[in-house]
Every structure is written in C-alpha cells, then in structure tokens.
Amino acid sequence: MRRRVLALAQIAPLLGDVAQNITLHQSKIAEARSAGADLVVFPELSLTGYQLQDLAPEVAMQRNDPRLLALAKGTSGGPSAVVSFVESADDHRLFASAALLEGGEVRHVARKCYLPTYGLFDERRFLAAGDAIRATRAALGDPAVEGDVGIGIGVCEDFWHPTLPSILAQDGAELLINVAAGPARGASVHADQ
C-alpha cells in the first residue's frame, strides 16, 4: 500500500442548515487538496448537524440528491472525502449514513447499524438501523489508481461493537474509517477559532 495523507475535518456543522454545511465541506475539501491530502474525513451527520430528532425528515437526502452529487464533483481531482448525512431510502426509511465521495462520484454509502437508545440518545425513534456491512475499493485521492485500497466505513457506535469492523476487515477492508459525533456540553464555538 502506498503512503497516504489523511485529513480530519473537525467542524461544527449548523443544525439543519444543509446549504451552509455543504459550503463548509467544499471549503475543507479545498483546504485538504491544498495540503496534499488523499482523503478528508468529516464527522457523523456533518452535512445536517447532529441530534436532529424530528428535523431528520426535513434534511434527509437520497444518494442521488443533486446537492450530494455537486459536493462529490469537488472530489474529481482529489482528495476523496467521507461525509455523513441523513439518508432517505426509496422505502422512506431514514438512516445515519456516511458516503465515500471520490472521482466526482458518490462511490459507496454505509448506513449506521448500531443505534444508541440510552441517556440523551434515542436514535431508533428517528432513524432505521442499516442491515448491510460491506467494504469497498477506493483510490483515495488518485483517480489513476482506482480501487487501490479496501476501506470499511462505520458510523459512530458501529465501532463499539467489534463484530462490525471485523466483518469489514473480512470483506477486504485494509483501512477502517469511523465517523463520529456527539452533543457538546459546556463547550462553545468561537468565530475566531
């Protein structure tokens, strides 16, 4: 496997403001490109904000949503990106999903399988659990080397359960990526940060 440069985009997406969050993603993808990154990874529900609850249906998008496809176009010259959003399935179920954007396309989507239902989390009330665990091949920033590395993507609590990353590894993942987020308590975001 060749050397890879990975960038982590620690952002604070605006709850429910998909347009503003997409603009922020475009900026961070461009920054990662300038820094020579092969892959930039965003947090869980980075396109929609976290803890949406009843707002989830309003911000949900399908895999072929023009906004997601437009964001994917920004990866055509690298870097690849893993972004997360509320996915609306054809049967109208909603999922916390993470997508690999690469070569200008939505290349792979992983749905969160393990939904927390404790404490201040009640995800099963608003979202469905994914029922498929698959790795995928990725170029990671270099379209000339399509399918160079196997990757497995999980969403937050998925990696708290060892079976999920184990299945991804058995399915060919050489690189495991887990996008995660959580509600902030006692933290603040300043405009100058």
C-alpha atoms as a PDB file:
ATOM      1  CA  MET A   1       0.000   0.000   0.000  1.00  0.00           C
ATOM      2  CA  ARG A   2       1.412   3.400  -0.904  1.00  0.00           C
ATOM      3  CA  ARG A   3       1.732   6.204   1.654  1.00  0.00           C
ATOM      4  CA  ARG A   4      -1.497   8.170   2.244  1.00  0.00           C
ATOM      5  CA  VAL A   5      -2.126  11.620   3.694  1.00  0.00           C
ATOM      6  CA  LEU A   6      -5.386  11.777   5.646  1.00  0.00           C
ATOM      7  CA  ALA A   7      -7.074  14.979   6.804  1.00  0.00           C
ATOM      8  CA  LEU A   8      -9.639  15.159   9.596  1.00  0.00           C
ATOM      9  CA  ALA A   9     -12.171  17.979   9.266  1.00  0.00           C
ATOM     10  CA  GLN A  10     -13.183  18.744  12.865  1.00  0.00           C
ATOM     11  CA  ILE A  11     -16.106  21.021  12.087  1.00  0.00           C
ATOM     12  CA  ALA A  12     -19.192  22.229  13.925  1.00  0.00           C
ATOM     13  CA  PRO A  13     -21.984  21.905  11.344  1.00  0.00           C
ATOM     14  CA  LEU A  14     -25.072  24.051  11.729  1.00  0.00           C
ATOM     15  CA  LEU A  15     -28.091  22.005  12.780  1.00  0.00           C
ATOM     16  CA  GLY A  16     -30.456  21.613   9.833  1.00  0.00           C
ATOM     17  CA  ASP A  17     -28.623  24.060   7.515  1.00  0.00           C
ATOM     18  CA  VAL A  18     -27.561  21.723   4.701  1.00  0.00           C
ATOM     19  CA  ALA A  19     -26.668  24.551   2.281  1.00  0.00           C
ATOM     20  CA  GLN A  20     -24.303  26.218   4.761  1.00  0.00           C
ATOM     21  CA  ASN A  21     -22.802  22.866   5.756  1.00  0.00           C
ATOM     22  CA  ILE A  22     -22.143  21.972   2.100  1.00  0.00           C
ATOM     23  CA  THR A  23     -20.333  25.293   1.651  1.00  0.00           C
ATOM     24  CA  LEU A  24     -18.210  24.462   4.713  1.00  0.00           C
ATOM     25  CA  HIS A  25     -17.454  20.999   3.280  1.00  0.00           C
ATOM     26  CA  GLN A  26     -16.403  22.486  -0.062  1.00  0.00           C
ATOM     27  CA  SER A  27     -14.019  24.812   1.760  1.00  0.00           C
ATOM     28  CA  LYS A  28     -12.492  21.991   3.833  1.00  0.00           C
ATOM     29  CA  ILE A  29     -12.114  19.740   0.782  1.00  0.00           C
ATOM     30  CA  ALA A  30     -10.263  22.576  -0.996  1.00  0.00           C
ATOM     31  CA  GLU A  31      -8.050  23.064   2.098  1.00  0.00           C
ATOM     32  CA  ALA A  32      -7.271  19.345   2.178  1.00  0.00           C
ATOM     33  CA  ARG A  33      -6.423  19.429  -1.539  1.00  0.00           C
ATOM     34  CA  SER A  34      -4.008  22.345  -0.954  1.00  0.00           C
ATOM     35  CA  ALA A  35      -2.391  20.412   1.906  1.00  0.00           C
ATOM     36  CA  GLY A  36      -1.827  17.392  -0.341  1.00  0.00           C
ATOM     37  CA  ALA A  37      -4.332  15.109   1.392  1.00  0.00           C
ATOM     38  CA  ASP A  38      -5.542  11.935  -0.297  1.00  0.00           C
ATOM     39  CA  LEU A  39      -8.634  11.672   1.904  1.00  0.00           C
ATOM     40  CA  VAL A  40     -10.559  14.074   4.142  1.00  0.00           C
ATOM     41  CA  VAL A  41     -12.917  12.635   6.763  1.00  0.00           C
ATOM     42  CA  PHE A  42     -15.823  14.626   8.222  1.00  0.00           C
ATOM     43  CA  PRO A  43     -17.796  13.843  11.420  1.00  0.00           C
ATOM     44  CA  GLU A  44     -21.058  11.935  11.748  1.00  0.00           C
ATOM     45  CA  LEU A  45     -24.001  13.848  10.235  1.00  0.00           C
ATOM     46  CA  SER A  46     -21.636  16.568   9.046  1.00  0.00           C
ATOM     47  CA  LEU A  47     -23.979  17.694   6.261  1.00  0.00           C
ATOM     48  CA  THR A  48     -27.022  18.034   8.510  1.00  0.00           C
ATOM     49  CA  GLY A  49     -25.814  18.599  12.059  1.00  0.00           C
ATOM     50  CA  TYR A  50     -26.101  16.130  14.900  1.00  0.00           C
ATOM     51  CA  GLN A  51     -29.081  15.279  17.156  1.00  0.00           C
ATOM     52  CA  LEU A  52     -31.669  16.297  14.592  1.00  0.00           C
ATOM     53  CA  GLN A  53     -34.513  14.284  16.123  1.00  0.00           C
ATOM     54  CA  ASP A  54     -37.796  15.492  14.500  1.00  0.00           C
ATOM     55  CA  LEU A  55     -35.831  17.568  11.964  1.00  0.00           C
ATOM     56  CA  ALA A  56     -34.355  14.417  10.341  1.00  0.00           C
ATOM     57  CA  PRO A  57     -37.045  14.029   7.610  1.00  0.00           C
ATOM     58  CA  GLU A  58     -36.658  17.677   6.597  1.00  0.00           C
ATOM     59  CA  VAL A  59     -32.909  17.432   5.931  1.00  0.00           C
ATOM     60  CA  ALA A  60     -32.785  13.861   4.616  1.00  0.00           C
ATOM     61  CA  MET A  61     -31.496  13.272   1.110  1.00  0.00           C
ATOM     62  CA  GLN A  62     -31.184  10.313  -1.197  1.00  0.00           C
ATOM     63  CA  ARG A  63     -27.856   9.098  -2.561  1.00  0.00           C
ATOM     64  CA  ASN A  64     -28.598  10.796  -5.882  1.00  0.00           C
ATOM     65  CA  ASP A  65     -29.586  14.155  -4.345  1.00  0.00           C
ATOM     66  CA  PRO A  66     -28.228  16.972  -6.562  1.00  0.00           C
ATOM     67  CA  ARG A  67     -26.603  18.634  -3.522  1.00  0.00           C
ATOM     68  CA  LEU A  68     -24.662  15.473  -2.648  1.00  0.00           C
ATOM     69  CA  LEU A  69     -23.714  14.920  -6.301  1.00  0.00           C
ATOM     70  CA  ALA A  70     -22.491  18.528  -6.580  1.00  0.00           C
ATOM     71  CA  LEU A  71     -20.341  18.062  -3.476  1.00  0.00           C
ATOM     72  CA  ALA A  72     -18.974  14.821  -4.949  1.00  0.00           C
ATOM     73  CA  LYS A  73     -17.935  16.698  -8.117  1.00  0.00           C
ATOM     74  CA  GLY A  74     -15.460  18.619  -5.949  1.00  0.00           C
ATOM     75  CA  THR A  75     -13.511  15.384  -5.404  1.00  0.00           C
ATOM     76  CA  SER A  76     -12.833  14.775  -9.103  1.00  0.00           C
ATOM     77  CA  GLY A  77      -9.237  15.979  -8.791  1.00  0.00           C
ATOM     78  CA  GLY A  78      -8.818  14.623  -5.265  1.00  0.00           C
ATOM     79  CA  PRO A  79      -8.918  14.367  -2.390  1.00  0.00           C
ATOM     80  CA  SER A  80     -11.521  11.702  -1.726  1.00  0.00           C
ATOM     81  CA  ALA A  81     -13.921  12.570   1.099  1.00  0.00           C
ATOM     82  CA  VAL A  82     -16.075  10.743   3.626  1.00  0.00           C
ATOM     83  CA  VAL A  83     -19.117  12.824   4.541  1.00  0.00           C
ATOM     84  CA  SER A  84     -22.153  11.940   6.635  1.00  0.00           C
ATOM     85  CA  PHE A  85     -25.838  12.745   6.254  1.00  0.00           C
ATOM     86  CA  VAL A  86     -29.381  11.562   6.921  1.00  0.00           C
ATOM     87  CA  GLU A  87     -30.147   9.249   4.027  1.00  0.00           C
ATOM     88  CA  SER A  88     -33.706   8.783   2.794  1.00  0.00           C
ATOM     89  CA  ALA A  89     -34.203   5.337   1.276  1.00  0.00           C
ATOM     90  CA  ASP A  90     -36.651   4.516  -1.515  1.00  0.00           C
ATOM     91  CA  ASP A  91     -38.931   2.927   1.092  1.00  0.00           C
ATOM     92  CA  HIS A  92     -38.907   6.220   3.093  1.00  0.00           C
ATOM     93  CA  ARG A  93     -36.805   4.907   5.976  1.00  0.00           C
ATOM     94  CA  LEU A  94     -34.137   7.308   7.269  1.00  0.00           C
ATOM     95  CA  PHE A  95     -30.566   6.285   8.102  1.00  0.00           C
ATOM     96  CA  ALA A  96     -27.492   7.952   9.573  1.00  0.00           C
ATOM     97  CA  SER A  97     -25.153   7.283   6.653  1.00  0.00           C
ATOM     98  CA  ALA A  98     -21.597   8.027   5.570  1.00  0.00           C
ATOM     99  CA  ALA A  99     -20.633   8.321   1.914  1.00  0.00           C
ATOM    100  CA  LEU A 100     -17.310   7.946   0.146  1.00  0.00           C
ATOM    101  CA  LEU A 101     -17.092  10.733  -2.438  1.00  0.00           C
ATOM    102  CA  GLU A 102     -14.356  10.045  -4.953  1.00  0.00           C
ATOM    103  CA  GLY A 103     -13.517  10.892  -8.533  1.00  0.00           C
ATOM    104  CA  GLY A 104     -16.524  13.220  -8.742  1.00  0.00           C
ATOM    105  CA  GLU A 105     -18.997  10.488  -7.722  1.00  0.00           C
ATOM    106  CA  VAL A 106     -20.771   9.029  -4.718  1.00  0.00           C
ATOM    107  CA  ARG A 107     -18.802   5.761  -4.720  1.00  0.00           C
ATOM    108  CA  HIS A 108     -20.105   3.998  -1.590  1.00  0.00           C
ATOM    109  CA  VAL A 109     -22.641   4.589   1.198  1.00  0.00           C
ATOM    110  CA  ALA A 110     -22.516   2.891   4.602  1.00  0.00           C
ATOM    111  CA  ARG A 111     -25.540   3.001   6.911  1.00  0.00           C
ATOM    112  CA  LYS A 112     -25.200   3.072  10.701  1.00  0.00           C
ATOM    113  CA  CYS A 113     -26.157  -0.358  12.050  1.00  0.00           C
ATOM    114  CA  TYR A 114     -25.974   0.130  15.827  1.00  0.00           C
ATOM    115  CA  LEU A 115     -28.260   2.943  17.009  1.00  0.00           C
ATOM    116  CA  PRO A 116     -27.846   4.115  20.611  1.00  0.00           C
ATOM    117  CA  THR A 117     -31.012   4.264  22.711  1.00  0.00           C
ATOM    118  CA  TYR A 118     -29.699   5.294  26.126  1.00  0.00           C
ATOM    119  CA  GLY A 119     -29.221   8.531  28.044  1.00  0.00           C
ATOM    120  CA  LEU A 120     -29.889  11.504  25.815  1.00  0.00           C
ATOM    121  CA  PHE A 121     -29.689   9.336  22.692  1.00  0.00           C
ATOM    122  CA  ASP A 122     -32.863   7.930  21.167  1.00  0.00           C
ATOM    123  CA  GLU A 123     -31.772   7.410  17.574  1.00  0.00           C
ATOM    124  CA  ARG A 124     -34.003   4.403  16.940  1.00  0.00           C
ATOM    125  CA  ARG A 125     -37.013   6.684  17.422  1.00  0.00           C
ATOM    126  CA  PHE A 126     -35.994   8.771  14.396  1.00  0.00           C
ATOM    127  CA  LEU A 127     -33.754   6.529  12.280  1.00  0.00           C
ATOM    128  CA  ALA A 128     -33.630   2.967  10.990  1.00  0.00           C
ATOM    129  CA  ALA A 129     -30.681   0.636  11.518  1.00  0.00           C
ATOM    130  CA  GLY A 130     -28.649  -0.394   8.498  1.00  0.00           C
ATOM    131  CA  ASP A 131     -28.674  -4.077   7.635  1.00  0.00           C
ATOM    132  CA  ALA A 132     -25.621  -4.483   5.387  1.00  0.00           C
ATOM    133  CA  ILE A 133     -21.915  -4.335   6.205  1.00  0.00           C
ATOM    134  CA  ARG A 134     -19.678  -4.053   3.131  1.00  0.00           C
ATOM    135  CA  ALA A 135     -16.156  -2.867   2.418  1.00  0.00           C
ATOM    136  CA  THR A 136     -15.332  -1.120  -0.853  1.00  0.00           C
ATOM    137  CA  ARG A 137     -12.287  -0.439  -3.002  1.00  0.00           C
ATOM    138  CA  ALA A 138     -11.042   3.138  -3.207  1.00  0.00           C
ATOM    139  CA  ALA A 139      -8.360   5.134  -4.977  1.00  0.00           C
ATOM    140  CA  LEU A 140      -8.140   7.639  -2.102  1.00  0.00           C
ATOM    141  CA  GLY A 141      -7.281  10.780  -3.968  1.00  0.00           C
ATOM    142  CA  ASP A 142      -5.612   9.275  -7.023  1.00  0.00           C
ATOM    143  CA  PRO A 143      -8.145   8.520  -9.794  1.00  0.00           C
ATOM    144  CA  ALA A 144      -5.372   6.840 -11.821  1.00  0.00           C
ATOM    145  CA  VAL A 145      -5.143   4.110  -9.147  1.00  0.00           C
ATOM    146  CA  GLU A 146      -8.828   3.183  -8.971  1.00  0.00           C
ATOM    147  CA  GLY A 147      -9.639   0.529  -6.398  1.00  0.00           C
ATOM    148  CA  ASP A 148      -6.151   0.616  -4.878  1.00  0.00           C
ATOM    149  CA  VAL A 149      -7.142   0.054  -1.214  1.00  0.00           C
ATOM    150  CA  GLY A 150     -10.005  -1.672   0.578  1.00  0.00           C
ATOM    151  CA  ILE A 151     -11.819   0.574   3.038  1.00  0.00           C
ATOM    152  CA  GLY A 152     -14.544  -0.052   5.567  1.00  0.00           C
ATOM    153  CA  ILE A 153     -16.719   2.758   6.882  1.00  0.00           C
ATOM    154  CA  GLY A 154     -18.656   2.721  10.139  1.00  0.00           C
ATOM    155  CA  VAL A 155     -20.774   5.353  11.815  1.00  0.00           C
ATOM    156  CA  CYS A 156     -20.055   6.142  15.477  1.00  0.00           C
ATOM    157  CA  GLU A 157     -21.393   3.371  17.708  1.00  0.00           C
ATOM    158  CA  ASP A 158     -20.855   0.823  14.929  1.00  0.00           C
ATOM    159  CA  PHE A 159     -17.219   0.547  16.011  1.00  0.00           C
ATOM    160  CA  TRP A 160     -18.157  -0.003  19.671  1.00  0.00           C
ATOM    161  CA  HIS A 161     -19.241  -3.471  18.543  1.00  0.00           C
ATOM    162  CA  PRO A 162     -16.179  -5.495  17.435  1.00  0.00           C
ATOM    163  CA  THR A 163     -18.178  -7.609  15.021  1.00  0.00           C
ATOM    164  CA  LEU A 164     -18.738  -4.722  12.596  1.00  0.00           C
ATOM    165  CA  PRO A 165     -15.088  -3.742  11.986  1.00  0.00           C
ATOM    166  CA  SER A 166     -14.216  -7.447  11.967  1.00  0.00           C
ATOM    167  CA  ILE A 167     -16.758  -8.119   9.204  1.00  0.00           C
ATOM    168  CA  LEU A 168     -15.423  -5.113   7.253  1.00  0.00           C
ATOM    169  CA  ALA A 169     -11.870  -6.496   7.533  1.00  0.00           C
ATOM    170  CA  GLN A 170     -13.029  -9.938   6.409  1.00  0.00           C
ATOM    171  CA  ASP A 171     -14.757  -8.248   3.460  1.00  0.00           C
ATOM    172  CA  GLY A 172     -11.440  -6.731   2.321  1.00  0.00           C
ATOM    173  CA  ALA A 173     -11.043  -3.503   4.310  1.00  0.00           C
ATOM    174  CA  GLU A 174      -7.407  -2.596   4.872  1.00  0.00           C
ATOM    175  CA  LEU A 175      -8.304   0.853   6.217  1.00  0.00           C
ATOM    176  CA  LEU A 176     -11.154   1.328   8.694  1.00  0.00           C
ATOM    177  CA  ILE A 177     -12.846   4.724   8.924  1.00  0.00           C
ATOM    178  CA  ASN A 178     -15.322   5.593  11.655  1.00  0.00           C
ATOM    179  CA  VAL A 179     -17.176   8.909  11.574  1.00  0.00           C
ATOM    180  CA  ALA A 180     -18.486  10.012  14.959  1.00  0.00           C
ATOM    181  CA  ALA A 181     -20.117  12.963  16.691  1.00  0.00           C
ATOM    182  CA  GLY A 182     -21.863  13.751  19.923  1.00  0.00           C
ATOM    183  CA  PRO A 183     -23.678  16.604  21.583  1.00  0.00           C
ATOM    184  CA  ALA A 184     -21.417  19.202  23.158  1.00  0.00           C
ATOM    185  CA  ARG A 185     -21.920  20.024  26.802  1.00  0.00           C
ATOM    186  CA  GLY A 186     -20.127  23.005  28.272  1.00  0.00           C
ATOM    187  CA  ALA A 187     -18.261  23.659  25.027  1.00  0.00           C
ATOM    188  CA  SER A 188     -18.569  26.727  22.898  1.00  0.00           C
ATOM    189  CA  VAL A 189     -17.570  27.584  19.366  1.00  0.00           C
ATOM    190  CA  HIS A 190     -15.961  30.956  18.763  1.00  0.00           C
ATOM    191  CA  ALA A 191     -15.875  32.723  15.411  1.00  0.00           C
ATOM    192  CA  ASP A 192     -12.115  33.272  15.777  1.00  0.00           C
ATOM    193  CA  GLN A 193     -11.291  29.536  16.043  1.00  0.00           C
END
